[in-house]
Amino acid sequence: MEKNTRKTKVVSTVYRVIGNGQDSSLWGDNWLGNGLLRNLYPDVYILNLQQRASINEGMEQSRMRPKFQRTFQ
């Protein structure tokens, strides 16, 4: 018996509920919806000391507070 299969392209938008941000990776989860921050900003990711930080750890009062290996001018 042969199965009839049909491939359908499904385009959808998925939103992730971040909550307190402790279970979502700042750099490793697609929480903004347009890609991983480590892929979007690889130069910033390499210099960042919080590469394994959760969103909660990397954000303070709704603002990113990254910690870098060196200072920027």
C-alpha atoms as a PDB file:
ATOM      1  CA  MET A   1       0.000   0.000   0.000  1.00  0.00           C
ATOM      2  CA  GLU A   2       1.447   3.329  -1.063  1.00  0.00           C
ATOM      3  CA  LYS A   3       0.980   6.395   1.084  1.00  0.00           C
ATOM      4  CA  ASN A   4      -0.064   9.645  -0.490  1.00  0.00           C
ATOM      5  CA  THR A   5       2.141  12.322   0.957  1.00  0.00           C
ATOM      6  CA  ARG A   6       2.039  15.993   0.299  1.00  0.00           C
ATOM      7  CA  LYS A   7       4.563  18.507   1.521  1.00  0.00           C
ATOM      8  CA  THR A   8       3.180  21.849   2.498  1.00  0.00           C
ATOM      9  CA  LYS A   9       5.279  24.832   3.377  1.00  0.00           C
ATOM     10  CA  VAL A  10       3.977  26.343   6.574  1.00  0.00           C
ATOM     11  CA  VAL A  11       5.088  29.802   7.566  1.00  0.00           C
ATOM     12  CA  SER A  12       4.281  30.880  11.075  1.00  0.00           C
ATOM     13  CA  THR A  13       5.559  33.140  13.761  1.00  0.00           C
ATOM     14  CA  VAL A  14       6.267  31.627  17.128  1.00  0.00           C
ATOM     15  CA  TYR A  15       6.667  33.775  20.199  1.00  0.00           C
ATOM     16  CA  ARG A  16       8.431  32.572  23.284  1.00  0.00           C
ATOM     17  CA  VAL A  17       7.228  33.602  26.707  1.00  0.00           C
ATOM     18  CA  ILE A  18      10.327  34.692  28.558  1.00  0.00           C
ATOM     19  CA  GLY A  19       8.812  35.242  31.980  1.00  0.00           C
ATOM     20  CA  ASN A  20      11.576  36.126  34.438  1.00  0.00           C
ATOM     21  CA  GLY A  21      14.278  35.224  31.874  1.00  0.00           C
ATOM     22  CA  GLN A  22      16.029  32.629  34.000  1.00  0.00           C
ATOM     23  CA  ASP A  23      15.287  29.724  31.633  1.00  0.00           C
ATOM     24  CA  SER A  24      16.147  31.522  28.381  1.00  0.00           C
ATOM     25  CA  SER A  25      19.676  32.023  27.092  1.00  0.00           C
ATOM     26  CA  LEU A  26      20.611  35.612  26.281  1.00  0.00           C
ATOM     27  CA  TRP A  27      22.921  34.578  23.433  1.00  0.00           C
ATOM     28  CA  GLY A  28      21.693  31.065  22.593  1.00  0.00           C
ATOM     29  CA  ASP A  29      17.893  31.380  22.287  1.00  0.00           C
ATOM     30  CA  ASN A  30      15.940  33.166  19.575  1.00  0.00           C
ATOM     31  CA  TRP A  31      14.038  35.315  22.055  1.00  0.00           C
ATOM     32  CA  LEU A  32      13.932  38.403  19.823  1.00  0.00           C
ATOM     33  CA  GLY A  33      12.483  36.455  16.903  1.00  0.00           C
ATOM     34  CA  ASN A  34      15.096  37.362  14.285  1.00  0.00           C
ATOM     35  CA  GLY A  35      17.901  34.942  15.160  1.00  0.00           C
ATOM     36  CA  LEU A  36      20.352  34.147  17.918  1.00  0.00           C
ATOM     37  CA  LEU A  37      22.222  37.164  19.242  1.00  0.00           C
ATOM     38  CA  ARG A  38      25.505  35.228  19.037  1.00  0.00           C
ATOM     39  CA  ASN A  39      24.931  34.778  15.295  1.00  0.00           C
ATOM     40  CA  LEU A  40      23.627  38.289  14.676  1.00  0.00           C
ATOM     41  CA  TYR A  41      26.501  39.939  16.575  1.00  0.00           C
ATOM     42  CA  PRO A  42      29.421  37.462  16.561  1.00  0.00           C
ATOM     43  CA  ASP A  43      32.081  40.087  17.330  1.00  0.00           C
ATOM     44  CA  VAL A  44      30.177  41.265  20.400  1.00  0.00           C
ATOM     45  CA  TYR A  45      29.520  37.665  21.480  1.00  0.00           C
ATOM     46  CA  ILE A  46      33.223  36.753  21.332  1.00  0.00           C
ATOM     47  CA  LEU A  47      34.165  39.662  23.601  1.00  0.00           C
ATOM     48  CA  ASN A  48      31.282  39.161  26.018  1.00  0.00           C
ATOM     49  CA  LEU A  49      32.081  37.584  29.387  1.00  0.00           C
ATOM     50  CA  GLN A  50      28.485  36.398  29.858  1.00  0.00           C
ATOM     51  CA  GLN A  51      28.248  33.955  26.937  1.00  0.00           C
ATOM     52  CA  ARG A  52      26.222  31.457  28.981  1.00  0.00           C
ATOM     53  CA  ALA A  53      24.078  34.046  30.734  1.00  0.00           C
ATOM     54  CA  SER A  54      20.329  33.821  30.942  1.00  0.00           C
ATOM     55  CA  ILE A  55      18.289  36.797  29.771  1.00  0.00           C
ATOM     56  CA  ASN A  56      17.715  37.627  33.435  1.00  0.00           C
ATOM     57  CA  GLU A  57      21.471  37.719  34.126  1.00  0.00           C
ATOM     58  CA  GLY A  58      22.266  39.810  31.050  1.00  0.00           C
ATOM     59  CA  MET A  59      19.540  42.375  31.497  1.00  0.00           C
ATOM     60  CA  GLU A  60      19.015  44.960  34.189  1.00  0.00           C
ATOM     61  CA  GLN A  61      15.904  47.116  34.369  1.00  0.00           C
ATOM     62  CA  SER A  62      14.940  46.182  30.759  1.00  0.00           C
ATOM     63  CA  ARG A  63      18.353  47.230  29.453  1.00  0.00           C
ATOM     64  CA  MET A  64      21.235  45.061  28.330  1.00  0.00           C
ATOM     65  CA  ARG A  65      24.201  45.302  30.663  1.00  0.00           C
ATOM     66  CA  PRO A  66      26.902  43.254  28.926  1.00  0.00           C
ATOM     67  CA  LYS A  67      30.267  42.624  30.543  1.00  0.00           C
ATOM     68  CA  PHE A  68      33.190  42.633  28.128  1.00  0.00           C
ATOM     69  CA  GLN A  69      36.767  41.416  28.219  1.00  0.00           C
ATOM     70  CA  ARG A  70      38.018  44.901  27.403  1.00  0.00           C
ATOM     71  CA  THR A  71      36.778  48.470  27.334  1.00  0.00           C
ATOM     72  CA  PHE A  72      35.526  50.179  24.171  1.00  0.00           C
ATOM     73  CA  GLN A  73      36.213  53.724  23.051  1.00  0.00           C
END
